[in-house]
Amino acid sequence: MPDHVLVVGDTLVVAAAIRLTVLAVKEDRVLLGVSAPGPSGRGGPPGVRRKRRPRRTATPTPLPSEN
């Protein structure tokens, strides 16, 4: 399989929705720009239901007595 080289300005598309753009290259460092769709209203993949966790309430605890 041949190697692929990306240069400044090139964009790599991942999973048809996430885009990585090479913004700068300096010595051994690469600056990438990331573009991805925002979260869905439900917060997960379609068709997957999440269980709601019960809310926890704070329980007051007495302070240790100073002796």
N, C-alpha and C. Protein backbone atom coordinates (compact mmCIF):
# COMPACT_ATOMS: atom_id res chain seq x y z
N MET A 1 0.85 -1.17 0.00
CA MET A 1 0.00 0.00 0.00
C MET A 1 0.90 1.24 0.00
N PRO A 2 0.68 2.17 -0.92
CA PRO A 2 1.55 3.35 -1.00
C PRO A 2 1.26 4.32 0.16
N ASP A 3 2.32 5.03 0.57
CA ASP A 3 2.16 6.07 1.59
C ASP A 3 1.49 7.29 0.96
N HIS A 4 0.75 8.01 1.78
CA HIS A 4 0.10 9.24 1.32
C HIS A 4 0.67 10.39 2.12
N VAL A 5 0.92 11.49 1.46
CA VAL A 5 1.49 12.66 2.10
C VAL A 5 0.48 13.79 1.99
N LEU A 6 0.17 14.39 3.14
CA LEU A 6 -0.72 15.55 3.16
C LEU A 6 0.14 16.79 3.35
N VAL A 7 -0.21 17.86 2.66
CA VAL A 7 0.51 19.12 2.80
C VAL A 7 -0.46 20.18 3.31
N VAL A 8 0.06 21.33 3.67
CA VAL A 8 -0.77 22.42 4.20
C VAL A 8 -1.90 22.72 3.21
N GLY A 9 -3.11 22.74 3.75
CA GLY A 9 -4.29 23.00 2.93
C GLY A 9 -5.05 21.75 2.54
N ASP A 10 -4.42 20.59 2.64
CA ASP A 10 -5.10 19.33 2.32
C ASP A 10 -6.08 18.95 3.42
N THR A 11 -7.16 18.30 3.03
CA THR A 11 -8.20 17.88 3.97
C THR A 11 -8.38 16.37 3.88
N LEU A 12 -8.46 15.75 5.05
CA LEU A 12 -8.72 14.32 5.15
C LEU A 12 -10.12 14.15 5.71
N VAL A 13 -10.98 13.41 5.01
CA VAL A 13 -12.35 13.19 5.44
C VAL A 13 -12.44 11.82 6.10
N VAL A 14 -12.97 11.80 7.34
CA VAL A 14 -13.09 10.57 8.11
C VAL A 14 -14.56 10.31 8.35
N ALA A 15 -15.01 9.12 8.07
CA ALA A 15 -16.40 8.70 8.32
C ALA A 15 -17.41 9.63 7.68
N ALA A 16 -17.08 10.21 6.56
CA ALA A 16 -17.98 11.05 5.75
C ALA A 16 -18.48 12.30 6.46
N ALA A 17 -18.07 12.54 7.70
CA ALA A 17 -18.59 13.72 8.39
C ALA A 17 -17.51 14.51 9.12
N ILE A 18 -16.39 13.90 9.43
CA ILE A 18 -15.33 14.57 10.17
C ILE A 18 -14.23 14.95 9.18
N ARG A 19 -13.83 16.21 9.24
CA ARG A 19 -12.82 16.71 8.32
C ARG A 19 -11.61 17.19 9.11
N LEU A 20 -10.41 16.69 8.76
CA LEU A 20 -9.16 17.14 9.34
C LEU A 20 -8.40 17.90 8.27
N THR A 21 -8.06 19.15 8.55
CA THR A 21 -7.36 19.98 7.59
C THR A 21 -5.98 20.31 8.14
N VAL A 22 -4.95 20.12 7.33
CA VAL A 22 -3.59 20.46 7.73
C VAL A 22 -3.45 21.97 7.63
N LEU A 23 -3.23 22.63 8.78
CA LEU A 23 -3.13 24.08 8.81
C LEU A 23 -1.69 24.57 8.76
N ALA A 24 -0.80 23.83 9.43
CA ALA A 24 0.61 24.24 9.44
C ALA A 24 1.49 23.04 9.78
N VAL A 25 2.73 23.09 9.27
CA VAL A 25 3.72 22.07 9.59
C VAL A 25 5.00 22.81 9.95
N LYS A 26 5.54 22.49 11.15
CA LYS A 26 6.79 23.12 11.58
C LYS A 26 7.64 22.05 12.24
N GLU A 27 8.76 21.75 11.60
CA GLU A 27 9.68 20.71 12.04
C GLU A 27 8.93 19.40 12.24
N ASP A 28 8.80 18.90 13.49
CA ASP A 28 8.12 17.63 13.72
C ASP A 28 6.72 17.82 14.29
N ARG A 29 6.13 19.00 14.12
CA ARG A 29 4.79 19.29 14.64
C ARG A 29 3.84 19.62 13.50
N VAL A 30 2.59 19.19 13.68
CA VAL A 30 1.56 19.44 12.67
C VAL A 30 0.35 20.04 13.38
N LEU A 31 -0.18 21.13 12.84
CA LEU A 31 -1.38 21.76 13.39
C LEU A 31 -2.56 21.37 12.50
N LEU A 32 -3.56 20.72 13.11
CA LEU A 32 -4.73 20.26 12.38
C LEU A 32 -5.95 21.08 12.77
N GLY A 33 -6.81 21.34 11.82
CA GLY A 33 -8.12 21.92 12.08
C GLY A 33 -9.13 20.78 11.99
N VAL A 34 -10.07 20.76 12.93
CA VAL A 34 -11.07 19.69 12.97
C VAL A 34 -12.44 20.27 12.77
N SER A 35 -13.21 19.67 11.88
CA SER A 35 -14.58 20.07 11.64
C SER A 35 -15.44 18.82 11.74
N ALA A 36 -16.44 18.89 12.63
CA ALA A 36 -17.32 17.73 12.83
C ALA A 36 -18.72 18.24 13.13
N PRO A 37 -19.74 17.44 12.82
CA PRO A 37 -21.10 17.87 13.14
C PRO A 37 -21.29 17.96 14.64
N GLY A 38 -22.18 18.85 15.06
CA GLY A 38 -22.47 19.00 16.48
C GLY A 38 -23.18 17.78 17.02
N PRO A 39 -23.29 17.71 18.34
CA PRO A 39 -23.96 16.55 18.93
C PRO A 39 -25.44 16.54 18.56
N SER A 40 -25.98 15.34 18.47
CA SER A 40 -27.41 15.23 18.18
C SER A 40 -28.20 15.60 19.42
N GLY A 41 -29.45 15.85 19.28
CA GLY A 41 -30.28 16.25 20.41
C GLY A 41 -30.35 15.19 21.49
N ARG A 42 -30.19 13.90 21.12
CA ARG A 42 -30.33 12.83 22.09
C ARG A 42 -29.00 12.44 22.70
N GLY A 43 -27.88 12.82 22.11
CA GLY A 43 -26.60 12.50 22.68
C GLY A 43 -26.13 11.08 22.45
N GLY A 44 -26.49 10.48 21.35
CA GLY A 44 -26.02 9.13 21.07
C GLY A 44 -26.42 8.70 19.68
N PRO A 45 -25.98 7.54 19.28
CA PRO A 45 -26.34 7.07 17.95
C PRO A 45 -27.84 6.78 17.86
N PRO A 46 -28.40 6.91 16.68
CA PRO A 46 -29.83 6.65 16.53
C PRO A 46 -30.17 5.20 16.85
N GLY A 47 -31.30 5.00 17.49
CA GLY A 47 -31.76 3.66 17.80
C GLY A 47 -31.23 3.12 19.12
N VAL A 48 -30.35 3.85 19.78
CA VAL A 48 -29.80 3.39 21.05
C VAL A 48 -30.44 4.21 22.16
N ARG A 49 -31.04 3.51 23.11
CA ARG A 49 -31.68 4.20 24.23
C ARG A 49 -30.78 4.14 25.45
N ARG A 50 -30.69 5.23 26.14
CA ARG A 50 -29.87 5.28 27.36
C ARG A 50 -30.77 5.25 28.57
N LYS A 51 -30.30 4.58 29.61
CA LYS A 51 -31.03 4.57 30.86
C LYS A 51 -30.70 5.83 31.64
N ARG A 52 -31.70 6.38 32.27
CA ARG A 52 -31.47 7.56 33.10
C ARG A 52 -30.98 7.12 34.46
N ARG A 53 -29.99 7.81 34.95
CA ARG A 53 -29.49 7.53 36.29
C ARG A 53 -30.32 8.31 37.30
N PRO A 54 -30.58 7.71 38.44
CA PRO A 54 -31.33 8.45 39.46
C PRO A 54 -30.49 9.61 39.98
N ARG A 55 -31.17 10.70 40.30
CA ARG A 55 -30.46 11.85 40.84
C ARG A 55 -30.01 11.57 42.24
N ARG A 56 -28.83 12.01 42.53
CA ARG A 56 -28.31 11.86 43.88
C ARG A 56 -28.48 13.19 44.60
N THR A 57 -28.85 13.11 45.86
CA THR A 57 -28.98 14.32 46.65
C THR A 57 -27.89 14.35 47.70
N ALA A 58 -27.48 15.52 48.06
CA ALA A 58 -26.44 15.66 49.06
C ALA A 58 -26.98 15.28 50.44
N THR A 59 -26.20 14.52 51.16
CA THR A 59 -26.58 14.14 52.52
C THR A 59 -25.69 14.88 53.49
N PRO A 60 -26.26 15.74 54.35
CA PRO A 60 -25.39 16.48 55.27
C PRO A 60 -24.77 15.54 56.30
N THR A 61 -23.51 15.74 56.57
CA THR A 61 -22.83 14.96 57.59
C THR A 61 -22.32 15.91 58.66
N PRO A 62 -22.45 15.53 59.91
CA PRO A 62 -21.99 16.43 60.97
C PRO A 62 -20.47 16.53 60.97
N LEU A 63 -19.97 17.73 61.33
CA LEU A 63 -18.55 17.93 61.42
C LEU A 63 -18.01 17.24 62.66
N PRO A 64 -16.79 16.74 62.62
CA PRO A 64 -16.24 16.12 63.82
C PRO A 64 -16.09 17.17 64.91
N SER A 65 -16.37 16.79 66.13
CA SER A 65 -16.26 17.76 67.24
C SER A 65 -14.81 18.04 67.54
N GLU A 66 -14.53 19.29 67.84
CA GLU A 66 -13.15 19.67 68.15
C GLU A 66 -12.92 19.46 69.64
N ASN A 67 -12.05 18.57 70.00
CA ASN A 67 -11.75 18.29 71.42
C ASN A 67 -10.37 18.74 71.78
